[in-house]
């Protein structure tokens, strides 16, 4: 959205009903597939629930920041449509966010770190009323990035918000790395694409939304195009990391957004992506309602095993959650 557009006012952040178990929400990366986070946030609003804490990676960090700033899922949907439906304005704004090189026309093809500067793009696409600093958020937030040289994760929970989001979404080739306090940072999905583990101990219930997806074979095309292979390779890494994490630790509710058939840059297919995520939204509402109404917890040995990697479930309940006999912490 152009900064001249009418700003979106954040909605009041309601507290969850007294006695309701607290919820930690993790939103993963996935490029355009991550638009599926919007219906999931709407599901929370429709149930009258608000997370106690949120963690986000890459595009998940963008939506997590907007939600943690106090915007509702519906407001985030409206803003996303405003940004993506004004195609001519979007193309112009993307051109202004490109990484510039010195030397003018004759140096236009010179090697450059990436095509776009992520912080400039955030100035275009973020809602005007999003918090500027972590301390000004309505809901605590953690944002994940990757340290390029140290080859480790970097978790932001304080300080300026926009640079942290920019670092988290800095997918190599597309976005220029972000330098913060001397560290060269790139896409957080390369180290922690679904950061539920960062917040699992901070609430009674952990919900993780996985939008990483997997390549889908297209009819009549045996071999993918070069650009498909390039971008899909990142999600092979992410999917592998997520599977390995789930073998050792699981969220209470794991959600596959169901948007695998879309490509990383399919942002202009917002209508189709949001429609594809609606079944996941309805299942989330049903499962969360059932979990909050449950009266007992099974013994730890009753926890289901992880589904086979070749056939991941779109929505899997790890264990029912008891309705606390005492007010939930936080």
Protein backbone atom coordinates (compact mmCIF):
# COMPACT_ATOMS: atom_id res chain seq x y z
CA UNK A 1 0.00 0.00 0.00
CA UNK A 2 1.26 3.45 -0.79
CA UNK A 3 1.93 5.42 2.36
CA UNK A 4 -0.55 8.01 1.03
CA UNK A 5 -3.40 5.54 1.35
CA UNK A 6 -5.93 5.82 4.15
CA UNK A 7 -4.41 4.09 7.19
CA UNK A 8 -6.07 1.09 8.78
CA UNK A 9 -6.95 1.70 12.43
CA UNK A 10 -6.13 -1.25 14.66
CA UNK A 11 -9.03 -2.96 16.39
CA UNK A 12 -9.19 -3.06 20.19
CA UNK A 13 -7.45 -6.21 21.37
CA UNK A 14 -9.96 -8.21 23.43
CA UNK A 15 -8.74 -10.47 26.20
CA UNK A 16 -9.69 -14.13 25.99
CA UNK A 17 -12.51 -15.10 28.40
CA UNK A 18 -11.45 -15.63 32.02
CA UNK A 19 -10.36 -19.20 32.66
CA UNK A 20 -9.61 -19.87 28.99
CA UNK A 21 -6.23 -21.56 28.46
CA UNK A 22 -3.63 -19.18 27.05
CA UNK A 23 -2.50 -19.72 23.45
CA UNK A 24 0.88 -19.31 21.76
CA UNK A 25 0.59 -18.90 17.98
CA UNK A 26 3.37 -19.57 15.45
CA UNK A 27 3.06 -18.43 11.82
CA UNK A 28 5.51 -19.99 9.37
CA UNK A 29 7.08 -18.88 6.11
CA UNK A 30 5.88 -19.77 2.64
CA UNK A 31 5.92 -16.81 0.27
CA UNK A 32 2.51 -16.19 -1.27
CA UNK A 33 1.25 -19.39 0.34
CA UNK A 34 1.50 -17.51 3.62
CA UNK A 35 -1.55 -15.44 2.69
CA UNK A 36 -3.33 -18.46 4.16
CA UNK A 37 -2.44 -17.08 7.61
CA UNK A 38 -5.19 -14.49 7.19
CA UNK A 39 -8.16 -16.91 7.46
CA UNK A 40 -6.51 -18.56 10.47
CA UNK A 41 -6.27 -15.20 12.23
CA UNK A 42 -9.93 -14.63 11.38
CA UNK A 43 -10.72 -17.97 13.01
CA UNK A 44 -9.18 -16.73 16.27
CA UNK A 45 -11.25 -13.55 16.08
CA UNK A 46 -14.47 -15.44 15.38
CA UNK A 47 -13.84 -17.66 18.41
CA UNK A 48 -13.18 -14.62 20.58
CA UNK A 49 -9.62 -15.77 21.27
CA UNK A 50 -6.41 -13.77 21.34
CA UNK A 51 -2.95 -15.32 21.55
CA UNK A 52 -0.87 -14.62 24.61
CA UNK A 53 2.26 -14.52 22.44
CA UNK A 54 3.02 -14.88 18.70
CA UNK A 55 6.11 -15.96 16.76
CA UNK A 56 6.63 -15.47 13.04
CA UNK A 57 9.06 -16.29 10.28
CA UNK A 58 9.30 -14.61 6.86
CA UNK A 59 5.78 -13.79 5.59
CA UNK A 60 4.54 -15.22 8.86
CA UNK A 61 6.46 -12.45 10.61
CA UNK A 62 4.61 -9.83 8.54
CA UNK A 63 1.16 -11.11 9.49
CA UNK A 64 2.24 -11.83 13.06
CA UNK A 65 3.43 -8.23 13.42
CA UNK A 66 0.17 -6.86 12.05
CA UNK A 67 -1.90 -9.05 14.36
CA UNK A 68 0.31 -8.32 17.36
CA UNK A 69 -0.11 -4.60 16.61
CA UNK A 70 -3.83 -4.95 17.25
CA UNK A 71 -5.27 -5.35 13.75
CA UNK A 72 -8.00 -7.96 13.36
CA UNK A 73 -7.87 -10.75 10.80
CA UNK A 74 -10.57 -8.98 8.80
CA UNK A 75 -8.60 -5.73 8.74
CA UNK A 76 -5.49 -7.59 7.60
CA UNK A 77 -7.52 -9.21 4.80
CA UNK A 78 -8.83 -5.82 3.65
CA UNK A 79 -5.35 -4.34 3.70
CA UNK A 80 -3.90 -7.26 1.72
CA UNK A 81 -6.56 -6.79 -0.95
CA UNK A 82 -5.85 -3.06 -1.07
CA UNK A 83 -2.17 -3.73 -1.68
CA UNK A 84 -2.45 -6.59 -4.16
CA UNK A 85 -5.45 -5.51 -6.20
CA UNK A 86 -3.95 -2.18 -7.22
CA UNK A 87 -1.62 -3.89 -9.66
CA UNK A 88 -0.29 -0.88 -11.54
CA UNK A 89 0.49 0.93 -8.30
CA UNK A 90 2.12 -2.23 -6.95
CA UNK A 91 4.39 -2.59 -9.97
CA UNK A 92 5.43 1.04 -9.65
CA UNK A 93 6.09 0.65 -5.94
CA UNK A 94 8.10 -2.52 -6.46
CA UNK A 95 10.23 -0.66 -9.00
CA UNK A 96 10.93 2.01 -6.40
CA UNK A 97 11.91 -0.69 -3.88
CA UNK A 98 14.50 -2.27 -6.16
CA UNK A 99 18.13 -2.40 -5.13
CA UNK A 100 19.96 0.38 -6.94
CA UNK A 101 23.47 0.12 -8.33
CA UNK A 102 25.88 2.90 -9.17
CA UNK A 103 27.06 3.54 -12.69
CA UNK A 104 23.76 4.28 -14.38
CA UNK A 105 22.47 2.44 -17.42
CA UNK A 106 25.74 0.77 -18.37
CA UNK A 107 25.97 -0.83 -14.94
CA UNK A 108 22.38 -2.02 -14.86
CA UNK A 109 23.41 -5.65 -15.28
CA UNK A 110 26.24 -5.49 -12.76
CA UNK A 111 26.18 -8.06 -9.96
CA UNK A 112 23.96 -6.98 -7.09
CA UNK A 113 23.00 -8.58 -3.75
CA UNK A 114 19.33 -8.94 -4.73
CA UNK A 115 16.47 -7.39 -6.69
CA UNK A 116 14.54 -5.71 -3.85
CA UNK A 117 15.36 -3.92 -0.62
CA UNK A 118 13.07 -5.52 2.01
CA UNK A 119 12.75 -2.46 4.26
CA UNK A 120 11.64 -0.30 1.32
CA UNK A 121 9.06 -2.93 0.41
CA UNK A 122 7.76 -2.98 3.97
CA UNK A 123 7.24 0.78 3.77
CA UNK A 124 4.91 0.02 0.87
CA UNK A 125 3.00 -3.01 2.10
CA UNK A 126 2.71 -2.71 5.88
CA UNK A 127 -0.40 -1.12 7.37
CA UNK A 128 0.23 2.47 8.42
CA UNK A 129 -0.63 1.87 12.09
CA UNK A 130 1.64 -1.11 12.64
CA UNK A 131 3.84 -0.72 15.73
CA UNK A 132 7.28 0.75 15.18
CA UNK A 133 8.84 -1.02 18.15
CA UNK A 134 8.33 -4.39 19.84
CA UNK A 135 7.56 -2.60 23.09
CA UNK A 136 4.55 -0.90 21.51
CA UNK A 137 2.86 -4.14 20.39
CA UNK A 138 -0.46 -5.16 21.90
CA UNK A 139 0.70 -8.80 21.98
CA UNK A 140 4.29 -10.00 22.62
CA UNK A 141 6.05 -11.12 19.45
CA UNK A 142 9.16 -13.04 18.42
CA UNK A 143 10.60 -12.74 14.89
CA UNK A 144 13.14 -15.16 13.42
CA UNK A 145 15.96 -14.35 10.99
CA UNK A 146 19.10 -16.22 9.88
CA UNK A 147 22.65 -15.00 10.43
CA UNK A 148 24.34 -15.59 7.06
CA UNK A 149 27.91 -15.83 8.34
CA UNK A 150 27.32 -17.40 11.76
CA UNK A 151 24.84 -19.85 10.20
CA UNK A 152 22.47 -19.66 13.14
CA UNK A 153 19.08 -18.28 14.04
CA UNK A 154 18.57 -14.79 15.42
CA UNK A 155 15.40 -14.14 17.41
CA UNK A 156 14.13 -10.57 17.82
CA UNK A 157 11.78 -9.72 20.69
CA UNK A 158 12.73 -6.10 21.40
CA UNK A 159 13.91 -2.99 19.61
CA UNK A 160 12.75 -1.61 16.23
CA UNK A 161 10.18 -3.87 14.58
CA UNK A 162 10.56 -3.16 10.85
CA UNK A 163 14.25 -4.10 10.52
CA UNK A 164 13.50 -7.40 12.26
CA UNK A 165 10.65 -8.18 9.86
CA UNK A 166 12.78 -7.14 6.89
CA UNK A 167 15.54 -9.52 7.98
CA UNK A 168 13.09 -12.36 8.55
CA UNK A 169 11.65 -12.05 5.02
CA UNK A 170 14.96 -11.49 3.18
CA UNK A 171 14.74 -14.51 0.89
CA UNK A 172 18.04 -14.84 -1.00
CA UNK A 173 18.13 -13.53 -4.59
CA UNK A 174 14.80 -11.71 -4.21
CA UNK A 175 15.67 -9.56 -1.19
CA UNK A 176 18.88 -7.88 -0.15
CA UNK A 177 20.29 -9.09 3.20
CA UNK A 178 19.66 -6.83 6.19
CA UNK A 179 22.52 -5.72 8.43
CA UNK A 180 21.64 -5.25 12.11
CA UNK A 181 24.36 -4.58 14.67
CA UNK A 182 26.99 -5.92 12.30
CA UNK A 183 25.17 -9.19 11.58
CA UNK A 184 24.21 -9.97 7.97
CA UNK A 185 20.70 -11.42 8.16
CA UNK A 186 18.57 -13.33 5.66
CA UNK A 187 15.29 -15.26 5.58
CA UNK A 188 14.43 -16.89 8.91
CA UNK A 189 12.90 -19.85 7.12
CA UNK A 190 16.37 -21.22 6.45
CA UNK A 191 16.85 -21.95 10.16
CA UNK A 192 13.39 -22.03 11.76
CA UNK A 193 10.52 -21.98 9.26
CA UNK A 194 7.84 -22.77 11.87
CA UNK A 195 8.96 -21.27 15.19
CA UNK A 196 6.49 -22.88 17.59
CA UNK A 197 9.39 -24.14 19.73
CA UNK A 198 10.30 -20.55 20.68
CA UNK A 199 6.98 -19.97 22.45
CA UNK A 200 5.78 -23.46 23.42
CA UNK A 201 6.62 -22.97 27.09
CA UNK A 202 4.97 -19.54 27.34
CA UNK A 203 1.31 -20.59 27.11
CA UNK A 204 -1.00 -23.49 27.93
CA UNK A 205 -1.60 -24.33 24.27
CA UNK A 206 0.61 -23.98 21.19
CA UNK A 207 -0.83 -23.61 17.67
CA UNK A 208 1.48 -23.78 14.63
CA UNK A 209 0.41 -22.78 11.10
CA UNK A 210 2.58 -24.34 8.38
CA UNK A 211 2.39 -22.61 4.98
CA UNK A 212 5.63 -24.01 3.57
CA UNK A 213 3.87 -26.48 1.29
CA UNK A 214 5.51 -28.79 -1.20
CA UNK A 215 6.00 -28.74 -4.99
CA UNK A 216 3.00 -30.04 -6.91
CA UNK A 217 3.49 -31.90 -10.19
CA UNK A 218 1.75 -30.03 -13.00
CA UNK A 219 -0.14 -32.01 -15.66
CA UNK A 220 1.80 -32.30 -18.91
CA UNK A 221 5.03 -30.98 -17.42
CA UNK A 222 7.56 -33.61 -16.41
CA UNK A 223 10.39 -31.27 -15.41
CA UNK A 224 9.86 -27.96 -13.53
CA UNK A 225 11.09 -24.69 -14.94
CA UNK A 226 14.38 -23.26 -13.72
CA UNK A 227 12.81 -20.56 -11.55
CA UNK A 228 10.41 -23.10 -10.02
CA UNK A 229 13.34 -25.30 -9.05
CA UNK A 230 15.24 -22.35 -7.60
CA UNK A 231 12.46 -21.16 -5.33
CA UNK A 232 11.06 -24.58 -4.48
CA UNK A 233 14.46 -25.68 -3.22
CA UNK A 234 14.12 -23.27 -0.30
CA UNK A 235 10.87 -24.93 0.70
CA UNK A 236 12.44 -28.38 0.48
CA UNK A 237 14.86 -27.15 3.15
CA UNK A 238 12.03 -25.69 5.20
CA UNK A 239 9.84 -28.77 4.94
CA UNK A 240 12.74 -30.97 6.03
CA UNK A 241 13.47 -28.76 9.05
CA UNK A 242 9.81 -28.78 10.08
CA UNK A 243 9.55 -32.58 9.85
CA UNK A 244 12.64 -33.07 11.94
CA UNK A 245 11.38 -30.62 14.57
CA UNK A 246 8.05 -32.42 14.77
CA UNK A 247 9.79 -35.70 15.48
CA UNK A 248 11.18 -34.36 18.74
CA UNK A 249 8.63 -31.74 19.77
CA UNK A 250 5.10 -31.08 18.61
CA UNK A 251 2.66 -28.19 18.99
CA UNK A 252 -0.73 -28.93 20.48
CA UNK A 253 -2.33 -28.11 17.15
CA UNK A 254 -0.46 -28.36 13.84
CA UNK A 255 -2.14 -26.82 10.81
CA UNK A 256 -1.14 -27.39 7.20
CA UNK A 257 -2.58 -24.38 5.39
CA UNK A 258 -3.40 -26.42 2.28
CA UNK A 259 -1.89 -24.01 -0.25
CA UNK A 260 0.88 -26.19 -1.73
CA UNK A 261 -0.26 -25.81 -5.31
CA UNK A 262 0.62 -22.12 -5.34
CA UNK A 263 4.05 -20.74 -6.16
CA UNK A 264 6.16 -18.55 -3.90
CA UNK A 265 5.38 -15.38 -5.90
CA UNK A 266 1.69 -16.02 -6.62
CA UNK A 267 0.59 -13.01 -4.59
CA UNK A 268 -1.80 -11.81 -7.27
CA UNK A 269 -3.75 -15.06 -6.78
CA UNK A 270 -4.86 -13.84 -3.38
CA UNK A 271 -8.51 -14.78 -4.00
CA UNK A 272 -7.58 -18.38 -4.84
CA UNK A 273 -5.13 -18.72 -1.95
CA UNK A 274 -7.58 -17.39 0.62
CA UNK A 275 -10.30 -19.69 -0.76
CA UNK A 276 -7.94 -22.67 -0.57
CA UNK A 277 -7.28 -21.89 3.11
CA UNK A 278 -10.96 -21.72 4.10
CA UNK A 279 -11.25 -25.47 4.87
CA UNK A 280 -8.25 -25.19 7.20
CA UNK A 281 -9.90 -22.20 8.89
CA UNK A 282 -13.08 -24.15 9.59
CA UNK A 283 -11.17 -27.13 10.91
CA UNK A 284 -9.13 -24.87 13.15
CA UNK A 285 -12.29 -23.38 14.62
CA UNK A 286 -13.76 -26.81 15.25
CA UNK A 287 -10.59 -28.24 16.77
CA UNK A 288 -9.86 -25.22 18.98
CA UNK A 289 -13.45 -25.19 20.25
CA UNK A 290 -13.20 -28.91 21.03
CA UNK A 291 -9.84 -28.49 22.76
CA UNK A 292 -11.11 -25.67 24.95
CA UNK A 293 -14.17 -27.70 25.93
CA UNK A 294 -12.21 -30.83 26.83
CA UNK A 295 -12.26 -31.78 30.47
CA UNK A 296 -9.24 -34.03 30.86
CA UNK A 297 -5.73 -34.55 29.52
CA UNK A 298 -4.57 -38.01 28.39
CA UNK A 299 -1.38 -39.48 29.74
CA UNK A 300 1.77 -38.46 27.79
CA UNK A 301 2.00 -41.92 26.19
CA UNK A 302 -1.34 -41.31 24.48
CA UNK A 303 0.11 -38.61 22.25
CA UNK A 304 -0.22 -39.50 18.57
CA UNK A 305 2.89 -40.26 16.57
CA UNK A 306 3.98 -37.97 13.77
CA UNK A 307 2.32 -38.87 10.42
CA UNK A 308 4.56 -40.30 7.69
CA UNK A 309 6.47 -37.55 5.81
CA UNK A 310 5.05 -38.74 2.48
CA UNK A 311 1.50 -38.04 3.61
CA UNK A 312 1.46 -35.11 6.04
CA UNK A 313 -1.91 -34.30 7.58
CA UNK A 314 -3.36 -30.90 6.96
CA UNK A 315 -4.64 -30.63 10.49
CA UNK A 316 -3.46 -32.77 13.36
CA UNK A 317 -4.42 -32.55 16.98
CA UNK A 318 -1.56 -33.66 19.21
CA UNK A 319 -3.62 -33.87 22.37
CA UNK A 320 -6.85 -32.45 23.76
CA UNK A 321 -6.45 -29.59 26.16
CA UNK A 322 -8.28 -29.63 29.44
CA UNK A 323 -10.49 -26.75 30.35
CA UNK A 324 -8.51 -25.48 33.32
CA UNK A 325 -10.09 -25.83 36.73
CA UNK A 326 -8.27 -22.62 37.61
CA UNK A 327 -7.73 -19.43 35.58
CA UNK A 328 -5.14 -19.86 32.86
CA UNK A 329 -1.83 -18.14 33.44
CA UNK A 330 -1.43 -14.85 31.62
